[in-house]
């Protein structure tokens, strides 16, 4: 699998997020974004960079108040559930240090 594919899917997801910022009720674009995120989630086993892209997309979706997927993201070996909250790297560092 070409590693550049991850970046292409990330850029596609960013385009969908930007579009949905202005037009939240567009079901076709919501469906397309969901498909791209699912594909990226499935590909993260083959390419670890997908996980970082998914985490960034989750932060952007939260900032736009868009519904976020219910998959999990692992950052730095620590499991985070990405459904109800976003945990930033600094928070993880503080938790682990404490």
PDB file of N, CA and C in Angstrom:
ATOM      1  N   UNK A   1       0.844  -1.173   0.000  1.00  0.00           N
ATOM      2  CA  UNK A   1       0.000   0.000   0.000  1.00  0.00           C
ATOM      3  C   UNK A   1       0.894   1.242   0.000  1.00  0.00           C
ATOM      4  N   UNK A   2       0.568   2.162  -0.847  1.00  0.00           N
ATOM      5  CA  UNK A   2       1.341   3.390  -0.960  1.00  0.00           C
ATOM      6  C   UNK A   2       1.103   4.274   0.271  1.00  0.00           C
ATOM      7  N   UNK A   3       2.156   4.683   0.983  1.00  0.00           N
ATOM      8  CA  UNK A   3       1.972   5.508   2.181  1.00  0.00           C
ATOM      9  C   UNK A   3       1.380   6.886   1.880  1.00  0.00           C
ATOM     10  N   UNK A   4       1.510   7.330   0.640  1.00  0.00           N
ATOM     11  CA  UNK A   4       0.955   8.636   0.282  1.00  0.00           C
ATOM     12  C   UNK A   4      -0.575   8.607   0.277  1.00  0.00           C
ATOM     13  N   UNK A   5      -1.151   7.403   0.209  1.00  0.00           N
ATOM     14  CA  UNK A   5      -2.605   7.260   0.215  1.00  0.00           C
ATOM     15  C   UNK A   5      -3.213   7.837   1.501  1.00  0.00           C
ATOM     16  N   UNK A   6      -2.515   7.685   2.609  1.00  0.00           N
ATOM     17  CA  UNK A   6      -2.993   8.229   3.885  1.00  0.00           C
ATOM     18  C   UNK A   6      -3.143   9.736   3.821  1.00  0.00           C
ATOM     19  N   UNK A   7      -2.155  10.387   3.246  1.00  0.00           N
ATOM     20  CA  UNK A   7      -2.205  11.841   3.138  1.00  0.00           C
ATOM     21  C   UNK A   7      -3.353  12.276   2.226  1.00  0.00           C
ATOM     22  N   UNK A   8      -3.560  11.558   1.132  1.00  0.00           N
ATOM     23  CA  UNK A   8      -4.647  11.898   0.206  1.00  0.00           C
ATOM     24  C   UNK A   8      -6.008  11.787   0.895  1.00  0.00           C
ATOM     25  N   UNK A   9      -6.204  10.740   1.685  1.00  0.00           N
ATOM     26  CA  UNK A   9      -7.462  10.594   2.418  1.00  0.00           C
ATOM     27  C   UNK A   9      -7.611  11.679   3.481  1.00  0.00           C
ATOM     28  N   UNK A  10      -6.523  12.045   4.110  1.00  0.00           N
ATOM     29  CA  UNK A  10      -6.554  13.125   5.107  1.00  0.00           C
ATOM     30  C   UNK A  10      -6.990  14.435   4.461  1.00  0.00           C
ATOM     31  N   UNK A  11      -6.417  14.751   3.310  1.00  0.00           N
ATOM     32  CA  UNK A  11      -6.774  15.993   2.615  1.00  0.00           C
ATOM     33  C   UNK A  11      -8.239  15.951   2.187  1.00  0.00           C
ATOM     34  N   UNK A  12      -8.705  14.805   1.697  1.00  0.00           N
ATOM     35  CA  UNK A  12     -10.106  14.670   1.310  1.00  0.00           C
ATOM     36  C   UNK A  12     -11.020  14.906   2.515  1.00  0.00           C
ATOM     37  N   UNK A  13     -10.662  14.341   3.659  1.00  0.00           N
ATOM     38  CA  UNK A  13     -11.474  14.531   4.864  1.00  0.00           C
ATOM     39  C   UNK A  13     -11.484  15.991   5.287  1.00  0.00           C
ATOM     40  N   UNK A  14     -10.347  16.668   5.171  1.00  0.00           N
ATOM     41  CA  UNK A  14     -10.297  18.099   5.506  1.00  0.00           C
ATOM     42  C   UNK A  14     -11.215  18.911   4.608  1.00  0.00           C
ATOM     43  N   UNK A  15     -11.274  18.561   3.326  1.00  0.00           N
ATOM     44  CA  UNK A  15     -12.164  19.267   2.395  1.00  0.00           C
ATOM     45  C   UNK A  15     -13.614  19.065   2.822  1.00  0.00           C
ATOM     46  N   UNK A  16     -13.981  17.833   3.155  1.00  0.00           N
ATOM     47  CA  UNK A  16     -15.355  17.565   3.592  1.00  0.00           C
ATOM     48  C   UNK A  16     -15.683  18.328   4.876  1.00  0.00           C
ATOM     49  N   UNK A  17     -14.742  18.377   5.815  1.00  0.00           N
ATOM     50  CA  UNK A  17     -14.970  19.102   7.070  1.00  0.00           C
ATOM     51  C   UNK A  17     -15.184  20.587   6.802  1.00  0.00           C
ATOM     52  N   UNK A  18     -14.349  21.169   5.950  1.00  0.00           N
ATOM     53  CA  UNK A  18     -14.504  22.589   5.631  1.00  0.00           C
ATOM     54  C   UNK A  18     -15.847  22.870   4.969  1.00  0.00           C
ATOM     55  N   UNK A  19     -16.266  21.988   4.078  1.00  0.00           N
ATOM     56  CA  UNK A  19     -17.562  22.153   3.410  1.00  0.00           C
ATOM     57  C   UNK A  19     -18.695  22.051   4.434  1.00  0.00           C
ATOM     58  N   UNK A  20     -18.601  21.076   5.345  1.00  0.00           N
ATOM     59  CA  UNK A  20     -19.666  20.858   6.324  1.00  0.00           C
ATOM     60  C   UNK A  20     -19.722  21.953   7.377  1.00  0.00           C
ATOM     61  N   UNK A  21     -18.682  22.729   7.516  1.00  0.00           N
ATOM     62  CA  UNK A  21     -18.731  23.875   8.430  1.00  0.00           C
ATOM     63  C   UNK A  21     -19.844  24.824   8.030  1.00  0.00           C
ATOM     64  N   UNK A  22     -19.991  25.051   6.734  1.00  0.00           N
ATOM     65  CA  UNK A  22     -20.995  25.991   6.234  1.00  0.00           C
ATOM     66  C   UNK A  22     -22.341  25.324   5.969  1.00  0.00           C
ATOM     67  N   UNK A  23     -22.305  24.054   5.612  1.00  0.00           N
ATOM     68  CA  UNK A  23     -23.542  23.345   5.233  1.00  0.00           C
ATOM     69  C   UNK A  23     -23.658  22.056   6.030  1.00  0.00           C
ATOM     70  N   UNK A  24     -24.004  22.182   7.295  1.00  0.00           N
ATOM     71  CA  UNK A  24     -24.026  21.037   8.212  1.00  0.00           C
ATOM     72  C   UNK A  24     -25.044  19.964   7.841  1.00  0.00           C
ATOM     73  N   UNK A  25     -26.094  20.320   7.145  1.00  0.00           N
ATOM     74  CA  UNK A  25     -27.172  19.363   6.872  1.00  0.00           C
ATOM     75  C   UNK A  25     -27.020  18.628   5.556  1.00  0.00           C
ATOM     76  N   UNK A  26     -25.876  18.705   4.931  1.00  0.00           N
ATOM     77  CA  UNK A  26     -25.670  18.024   3.653  1.00  0.00           C
ATOM     78  C   UNK A  26     -25.331  16.558   3.919  1.00  0.00           C
ATOM     79  N   UNK A  27     -26.342  15.710   3.809  1.00  0.00           N
ATOM     80  CA  UNK A  27     -26.189  14.286   4.142  1.00  0.00           C
ATOM     81  C   UNK A  27     -25.192  13.586   3.225  1.00  0.00           C
ATOM     82  N   UNK A  28     -25.116  14.029   1.981  1.00  0.00           N
ATOM     83  CA  UNK A  28     -24.189  13.385   1.040  1.00  0.00           C
ATOM     84  C   UNK A  28     -22.743  13.597   1.482  1.00  0.00           C
ATOM     85  N   UNK A  29     -22.408  14.809   1.893  1.00  0.00           N
ATOM     86  CA  UNK A  29     -21.041  15.083   2.333  1.00  0.00           C
ATOM     87  C   UNK A  29     -20.762  14.454   3.699  1.00  0.00           C
ATOM     88  N   UNK A  30     -21.769  14.387   4.570  1.00  0.00           N
ATOM     89  CA  UNK A  30     -21.584  13.700   5.850  1.00  0.00           C
ATOM     90  C   UNK A  30     -21.286  12.222   5.617  1.00  0.00           C
ATOM     91  N   UNK A  31     -21.993  11.637   4.676  1.00  0.00           N
ATOM     92  CA  UNK A  31     -21.766  10.231   4.337  1.00  0.00           C
ATOM     93  C   UNK A  31     -20.371  10.027   3.741  1.00  0.00           C
ATOM     94  N   UNK A  32     -19.963  10.939   2.877  1.00  0.00           N
ATOM     95  CA  UNK A  32     -18.634  10.843   2.268  1.00  0.00           C
ATOM     96  C   UNK A  32     -17.537  10.979   3.312  1.00  0.00           C
ATOM     97  N   UNK A  33     -17.709  11.910   4.236  1.00  0.00           N
ATOM     98  CA  UNK A  33     -16.722  12.080   5.314  1.00  0.00           C
ATOM     99  C   UNK A  33     -16.659  10.820   6.174  1.00  0.00           C
ATOM    100  N   UNK A  34     -17.805  10.269   6.490  1.00  0.00           N
ATOM    101  CA  UNK A  34     -17.847   9.042   7.285  1.00  0.00           C
ATOM    102  C   UNK A  34     -17.122   7.899   6.576  1.00  0.00           C
ATOM    103  N   UNK A  35     -17.306   7.793   5.278  1.00  0.00           N
ATOM    104  CA  UNK A  35     -16.630   6.746   4.507  1.00  0.00           C
ATOM    105  C   UNK A  35     -15.114   6.923   4.537  1.00  0.00           C
ATOM    106  N   UNK A  36     -14.656   8.153   4.326  1.00  0.00           N
ATOM    107  CA  UNK A  36     -13.212   8.422   4.327  1.00  0.00           C
ATOM    108  C   UNK A  36     -12.620   8.122   5.703  1.00  0.00           C
ATOM    109  N   UNK A  37     -13.310   8.526   6.766  1.00  0.00           N
ATOM    110  CA  UNK A  37     -12.818   8.257   8.115  1.00  0.00           C
ATOM    111  C   UNK A  37     -12.775   6.757   8.401  1.00  0.00           C
ATOM    112  N   UNK A  38     -13.777   6.034   7.926  1.00  0.00           N
ATOM    113  CA  UNK A  38     -13.782   4.575   8.111  1.00  0.00           C
ATOM    114  C   UNK A  38     -12.626   3.919   7.362  1.00  0.00           C
ATOM    115  N   UNK A  39     -12.372   4.406   6.156  1.00  0.00           N
ATOM    116  CA  UNK A  39     -11.252   3.868   5.374  1.00  0.00           C
ATOM    117  C   UNK A  39      -9.925   4.142   6.076  1.00  0.00           C
ATOM    118  N   UNK A  40      -9.770   5.355   6.593  1.00  0.00           N
ATOM    119  CA  UNK A  40      -8.540   5.695   7.309  1.00  0.00           C
ATOM    120  C   UNK A  40      -8.392   4.852   8.570  1.00  0.00           C
ATOM    121  N   UNK A  41      -9.500   4.618   9.261  1.00  0.00           N
ATOM    122  CA  UNK A  41      -9.459   3.805  10.469  1.00  0.00           C
ATOM    123  C   UNK A  41      -9.037   2.373  10.142  1.00  0.00           C
ATOM    124  N   UNK A  42      -9.540   1.842   9.038  1.00  0.00           N
ATOM    125  CA  UNK A  42      -9.168   0.481   8.629  1.00  0.00           C
ATOM    126  C   UNK A  42      -7.711   0.411   8.188  1.00  0.00           C
ATOM    127  N   UNK A  43      -7.207   1.476   7.587  1.00  0.00           N
ATOM    128  CA  UNK A  43      -5.839   1.486   7.067  1.00  0.00           C
ATOM    129  C   UNK A  43      -4.786   1.740   8.139  1.00  0.00           C
ATOM    130  N   UNK A  44      -5.197   2.146   9.339  1.00  0.00           N
ATOM    131  CA  UNK A  44      -4.194   2.497  10.348  1.00  0.00           C
ATOM    132  C   UNK A  44      -3.350   1.305  10.777  1.00  0.00           C
ATOM    133  N   UNK A  45      -3.833   0.098  10.534  1.00  0.00           N
ATOM    134  CA  UNK A  45      -3.029  -1.086  10.858  1.00  0.00           C
ATOM    135  C   UNK A  45      -1.863  -1.244   9.898  1.00  0.00           C
ATOM    136  N   UNK A  46      -2.016  -0.740   8.682  1.00  0.00           N
ATOM    137  CA  UNK A  46      -0.963  -0.839   7.668  1.00  0.00           C
ATOM    138  C   UNK A  46      -0.024   0.364   7.692  1.00  0.00           C
ATOM    139  N   UNK A  47      -0.538   1.508   8.130  1.00  0.00           N
ATOM    140  CA  UNK A  47       0.248   2.731   8.099  1.00  0.00           C
ATOM    141  C   UNK A  47      -0.040   3.527   9.371  1.00  0.00           C
ATOM    142  N   UNK A  48       0.938   3.611  10.249  1.00  0.00           N
ATOM    143  CA  UNK A  48       0.755   4.277  11.541  1.00  0.00           C
ATOM    144  C   UNK A  48       0.457   5.772  11.400  1.00  0.00           C
ATOM    145  N   UNK A  49       0.835   6.371  10.301  1.00  0.00           N
ATOM    146  CA  UNK A  49       0.582   7.793  10.100  1.00  0.00           C
ATOM    147  C   UNK A  49      -0.915   8.096  10.077  1.00  0.00           C
ATOM    148  N   UNK A  50      -1.733   7.127   9.661  1.00  0.00           N
ATOM    149  CA  UNK A  50      -3.185   7.325   9.651  1.00  0.00           C
ATOM    150  C   UNK A  50      -3.716   7.676  11.022  1.00  0.00           C
ATOM    151  N   UNK A  51      -3.128   7.092  12.040  1.00  0.00           N
ATOM    152  CA  UNK A  51      -3.598   7.347  13.396  1.00  0.00           C
ATOM    153  C   UNK A  51      -3.403   8.814  13.786  1.00  0.00           C
ATOM    154  N   UNK A  52      -2.271   9.376  13.421  1.00  0.00           N
ATOM    155  CA  UNK A  52      -2.027  10.792  13.699  1.00  0.00           C
ATOM    156  C   UNK A  52      -2.983  11.673  12.899  1.00  0.00           C
ATOM    157  N   UNK A  53      -3.219  11.308  11.649  1.00  0.00           N
ATOM    158  CA  UNK A  53      -4.173  12.060  10.828  1.00  0.00           C
ATOM    159  C   UNK A  53      -5.576  11.991  11.418  1.00  0.00           C
ATOM    160  N   UNK A  54      -5.984  10.814  11.884  1.00  0.00           N
ATOM    161  CA  UNK A  54      -7.313  10.659  12.490  1.00  0.00           C
ATOM    162  C   UNK A  54      -7.448  11.507  13.748  1.00  0.00           C
ATOM    163  N   UNK A  55      -6.408  11.556  14.557  1.00  0.00           N
ATOM    164  CA  UNK A  55      -6.443  12.367  15.771  1.00  0.00           C
ATOM    165  C   UNK A  55      -6.594  13.840  15.423  1.00  0.00           C
ATOM    166  N   UNK A  56      -5.880  14.301  14.402  1.00  0.00           N
ATOM    167  CA  UNK A  56      -5.986  15.699  13.989  1.00  0.00           C
ATOM    168  C   UNK A  56      -7.373  16.007  13.442  1.00  0.00           C
ATOM    169  N   UNK A  57      -7.915  15.091  12.655  1.00  0.00           N
ATOM    170  CA  UNK A  57      -9.268  15.290  12.111  1.00  0.00           C
ATOM    171  C   UNK A  57     -10.299  15.325  13.226  1.00  0.00           C
ATOM    172  N   UNK A  58     -10.106  14.518  14.256  1.00  0.00           N
ATOM    173  CA  UNK A  58     -11.024  14.534  15.387  1.00  0.00           C
ATOM    174  C   UNK A  58     -11.019  15.876  16.081  1.00  0.00           C
ATOM    175  N   UNK A  59      -9.842  16.462  16.265  1.00  0.00           N
ATOM    176  CA  UNK A  59      -9.731  17.783  16.889  1.00  0.00           C
ATOM    177  C   UNK A  59     -10.448  18.825  16.031  1.00  0.00           C
ATOM    178  N   UNK A  60     -10.264  18.756  14.722  1.00  0.00           N
ATOM    179  CA  UNK A  60     -10.910  19.713  13.825  1.00  0.00           C
ATOM    180  C   UNK A  60     -12.424  19.544  13.819  1.00  0.00           C
ATOM    181  N   UNK A  61     -12.891  18.300  13.861  1.00  0.00           N
ATOM    182  CA  UNK A  61     -14.334  18.066  13.888  1.00  0.00           C
ATOM    183  C   UNK A  61     -14.947  18.568  15.187  1.00  0.00           C
ATOM    184  N   UNK A  62     -14.223  18.402  16.285  1.00  0.00           N
ATOM    185  CA  UNK A  62     -14.722  18.913  17.561  1.00  0.00           C
ATOM    186  C   UNK A  62     -14.798  20.442  17.525  1.00  0.00           C
ATOM    187  N   UNK A  63     -13.792  21.079  16.955  1.00  0.00           N
ATOM    188  CA  UNK A  63     -13.782  22.535  16.879  1.00  0.00           C
ATOM    189  C   UNK A  63     -14.939  23.071  16.040  1.00  0.00           C
ATOM    190  N   UNK A  64     -15.375  22.287  15.063  1.00  0.00           N
ATOM    191  CA  UNK A  64     -16.486  22.695  14.185  1.00  0.00           C
ATOM    192  C   UNK A  64     -17.834  22.203  14.694  1.00  0.00           C
ATOM    193  N   UNK A  65     -17.851  21.521  15.836  1.00  0.00           N
ATOM    194  CA  UNK A  65     -19.072  20.921  16.387  1.00  0.00           C
ATOM    195  C   UNK A  65     -19.730  19.948  15.417  1.00  0.00           C
ATOM    196  N   UNK A  66     -18.921  19.189  14.718  1.00  0.00           N
ATOM    197  CA  UNK A  66     -19.434  18.154  13.832  1.00  0.00           C
ATOM    198  C   UNK A  66     -19.464  16.838  14.597  1.00  0.00           C
ATOM    199  N   UNK A  67     -20.423  15.965  14.279  1.00  0.00           N
ATOM    200  CA  UNK A  67     -20.435  14.655  14.947  1.00  0.00           C
ATOM    201  C   UNK A  67     -19.162  13.880  14.633  1.00  0.00           C
ATOM    202  N   UNK A  68     -18.584  13.265  15.671  1.00  0.00           N
ATOM    203  CA  UNK A  68     -17.321  12.562  15.484  1.00  0.00           C
ATOM    204  C   UNK A  68     -17.552  11.067  15.512  1.00  0.00           C
ATOM    205  N   UNK A  69     -16.708  10.313  14.838  1.00  0.00           N
ATOM    206  CA  UNK A  69     -16.875   8.859  14.804  1.00  0.00           C
ATOM    207  C   UNK A  69     -16.570   8.236  16.165  1.00  0.00           C
ATOM    208  N   UNK A  70     -17.036   7.039  16.358  1.00  0.00           N
ATOM    209  CA  UNK A  70     -16.874   6.371  17.650  1.00  0.00           C
ATOM    210  C   UNK A  70     -15.744   5.354  17.617  1.00  0.00           C
ATOM    211  N   UNK A  71     -14.700   5.606  16.822  1.00  0.00           N
ATOM    212  CA  UNK A  71     -13.558   4.704  16.835  1.00  0.00           C
ATOM    213  C   UNK A  71     -12.529   5.217  17.814  1.00  0.00           C
ATOM    214  N   UNK A  72     -11.547   4.401  18.108  1.00  0.00           N
ATOM    215  CA  UNK A  72     -10.549   4.777  19.101  1.00  0.00           C
ATOM    216  C   UNK A  72      -9.234   5.140  18.438  1.00  0.00           C
ATOM    217  N   UNK A  73      -8.504   6.000  19.110  1.00  0.00           N
ATOM    218  CA  UNK A  73      -7.187   6.421  18.639  1.00  0.00           C
ATOM    219  C   UNK A  73      -6.185   6.141  19.746  1.00  0.00           C
ATOM    220  N   UNK A  74      -5.065   5.574  19.402  1.00  0.00           N
ATOM    221  CA  UNK A  74      -4.005   5.305  20.366  1.00  0.00           C
ATOM    222  C   UNK A  74      -2.860   6.265  20.078  1.00  0.00           C
ATOM    223  N   UNK A  75      -2.513   7.070  21.035  1.00  0.00           N
ATOM    224  CA  UNK A  75      -1.403   8.008  20.882  1.00  0.00           C
ATOM    225  C   UNK A  75      -0.366   7.708  21.948  1.00  0.00           C
ATOM    226  N   UNK A  76       0.854   7.475  21.530  1.00  0.00           N
ATOM    227  CA  UNK A  76       1.934   7.240  22.480  1.00  0.00           C
ATOM    228  C   UNK A  76       1.705   6.009  23.345  1.00  0.00           C
ATOM    229  N   UNK A  77       0.998   5.017  22.819  1.00  0.00           N
ATOM    230  CA  UNK A  77       0.780   3.802  23.572  1.00  0.00           C
ATOM    231  C   UNK A  77      -0.335   3.894  24.597  1.00  0.00           C
ATOM    232  N   UNK A  78      -0.991   5.044  24.710  1.00  0.00           N
ATOM    233  CA  UNK A  78      -2.069   5.230  25.674  1.00  0.00           C
ATOM    234  C   UNK A  78      -3.387   5.233  24.913  1.00  0.00           C
ATOM    235  N   UNK A  79      -4.359   4.453  25.382  1.00  0.00           N
ATOM    236  CA  UNK A  79      -5.642   4.319  24.704  1.00  0.00           C
ATOM    237  C   UNK A  79      -6.544   5.493  25.060  1.00  0.00           C
ATOM    238  N   UNK A  80      -7.160   6.071  24.041  1.00  0.00           N
ATOM    239  CA  UNK A  80      -8.125   7.154  24.229  1.00  0.00           C
ATOM    240  C   UNK A  80      -9.393   6.802  23.473  1.00  0.00           C
ATOM    241  N   UNK A  81     -10.526   7.015  24.066  1.00  0.00           N
ATOM    242  CA  UNK A  81     -11.785   6.849  23.348  1.00  0.00           C
ATOM    243  C   UNK A  81     -12.146   8.214  22.781  1.00  0.00           C
ATOM    244  N   UNK A  82     -12.376   8.275  21.481  1.00  0.00           N
ATOM    245  CA  UNK A  82     -12.540   9.553  20.792  1.00  0.00           C
ATOM    246  C   UNK A  82     -14.010   9.866  20.570  1.00  0.00           C
ATOM    247  N   UNK A  83     -14.875   9.387  21.401  1.00  0.00           N
ATOM    248  CA  UNK A  83     -16.284   9.657  21.160  1.00  0.00           C
ATOM    249  C   UNK A  83     -16.747  10.898  21.906  1.00  0.00           C
ATOM    250  N   UNK A  84     -16.371  11.058  23.149  1.00  0.00           N
ATOM    251  CA  UNK A  84     -16.910  12.146  23.946  1.00  0.00           C
ATOM    252  C   UNK A  84     -15.892  13.205  24.335  1.00  0.00           C
ATOM    253  N   UNK A  85     -14.623  12.963  24.051  1.00  0.00           N
ATOM    254  CA  UNK A  85     -13.617  13.943  24.452  1.00  0.00           C
ATOM    255  C   UNK A  85     -12.375  13.817  23.590  1.00  0.00           C
ATOM    256  N   UNK A  86     -11.586  14.859  23.626  1.00  0.00           N
ATOM    257  CA  UNK A  86     -10.279  14.840  22.975  1.00  0.00           C
ATOM    258  C   UNK A  86      -9.252  15.025  24.069  1.00  0.00           C
ATOM    259  N   UNK A  87      -8.250  14.175  24.077  1.00  0.00           N
ATOM    260  CA  UNK A  87      -7.176  14.284  25.052  1.00  0.00           C
ATOM    261  C   UNK A  87      -5.922  14.693  24.289  1.00  0.00           C
ATOM    262  N   UNK A  88      -5.350  15.816  24.655  1.00  0.00           N
ATOM    263  CA  UNK A  88      -4.175  16.329  23.971  1.00  0.00           C
ATOM    264  C   UNK A  88      -2.914  15.711  24.555  1.00  0.00           C
ATOM    265  N   UNK A  89      -1.838  15.722  23.793  1.00  0.00           N
ATOM    266  CA  UNK A  89      -0.582  15.119  24.231  1.00  0.00           C
ATOM    267  C   UNK A  89      -0.106  15.688  25.561  1.00  0.00           C
ATOM    268  N   UNK A  90      -0.292  17.005  25.764  1.00  0.00           N
ATOM    269  CA  UNK A  90       0.151  17.616  27.027  1.00  0.00           C
ATOM    270  C   UNK A  90      -0.627  17.048  28.206  1.00  0.00           C
ATOM    271  N   UNK A  91      -1.937  16.753  28.000  1.00  0.00           N
ATOM    272  CA  UNK A  91      -2.732  16.152  29.064  1.00  0.00           C
ATOM    273  C   UNK A  91      -2.227  14.764  29.402  1.00  0.00           C
ATOM    274  N   UNK A  92      -1.900  13.992  28.378  1.00  0.00           N
ATOM    275  CA  UNK A  92      -1.393  12.635  28.597  1.00  0.00           C
ATOM    276  C   UNK A  92      -0.079  12.689  29.363  1.00  0.00           C
ATOM    277  N   UNK A  93       0.804  13.607  28.982  1.00  0.00           N
ATOM    278  CA  UNK A  93       2.083  13.757  29.659  1.00  0.00           C
ATOM    279  C   UNK A  93       1.865  14.106  31.131  1.00  0.00           C
ATOM    280  N   UNK A  94       0.933  15.027  31.417  1.00  0.00           N
ATOM    281  CA  UNK A  94       0.655  15.413  32.803  1.00  0.00           C
ATOM    282  C   UNK A  94       0.079  14.251  33.594  1.00  0.00           C
ATOM    283  N   UNK A  95      -0.801  13.459  32.988  1.00  0.00           N
ATOM    284  CA  UNK A  95      -1.396  12.319  33.674  1.00  0.00           C
ATOM    285  C   UNK A  95      -0.337  11.285  34.003  1.00  0.00           C
ATOM    286  N   UNK A  96       0.517  10.981  33.016  1.00  0.00           N
ATOM    287  CA  UNK A  96       1.551   9.965  33.205  1.00  0.00           C
ATOM    288  C   UNK A  96       2.608  10.425  34.201  1.00  0.00           C
ATOM    289  N   UNK A  97       2.888  11.735  34.241  1.00  0.00           N
ATOM    290  CA  UNK A  97       3.889  12.264  35.155  1.00  0.00           C
ATOM    291  C   UNK A  97       3.372  12.297  36.585  1.00  0.00           C
ATOM    292  N   UNK A  98       2.048  12.432  36.736  1.00  0.00           N
ATOM    293  CA  UNK A  98       1.439  12.589  38.064  1.00  0.00           C
ATOM    294  C   UNK A  98       1.349  11.344  38.780  1.00  0.00           C
TER     295      UNK A  98
END
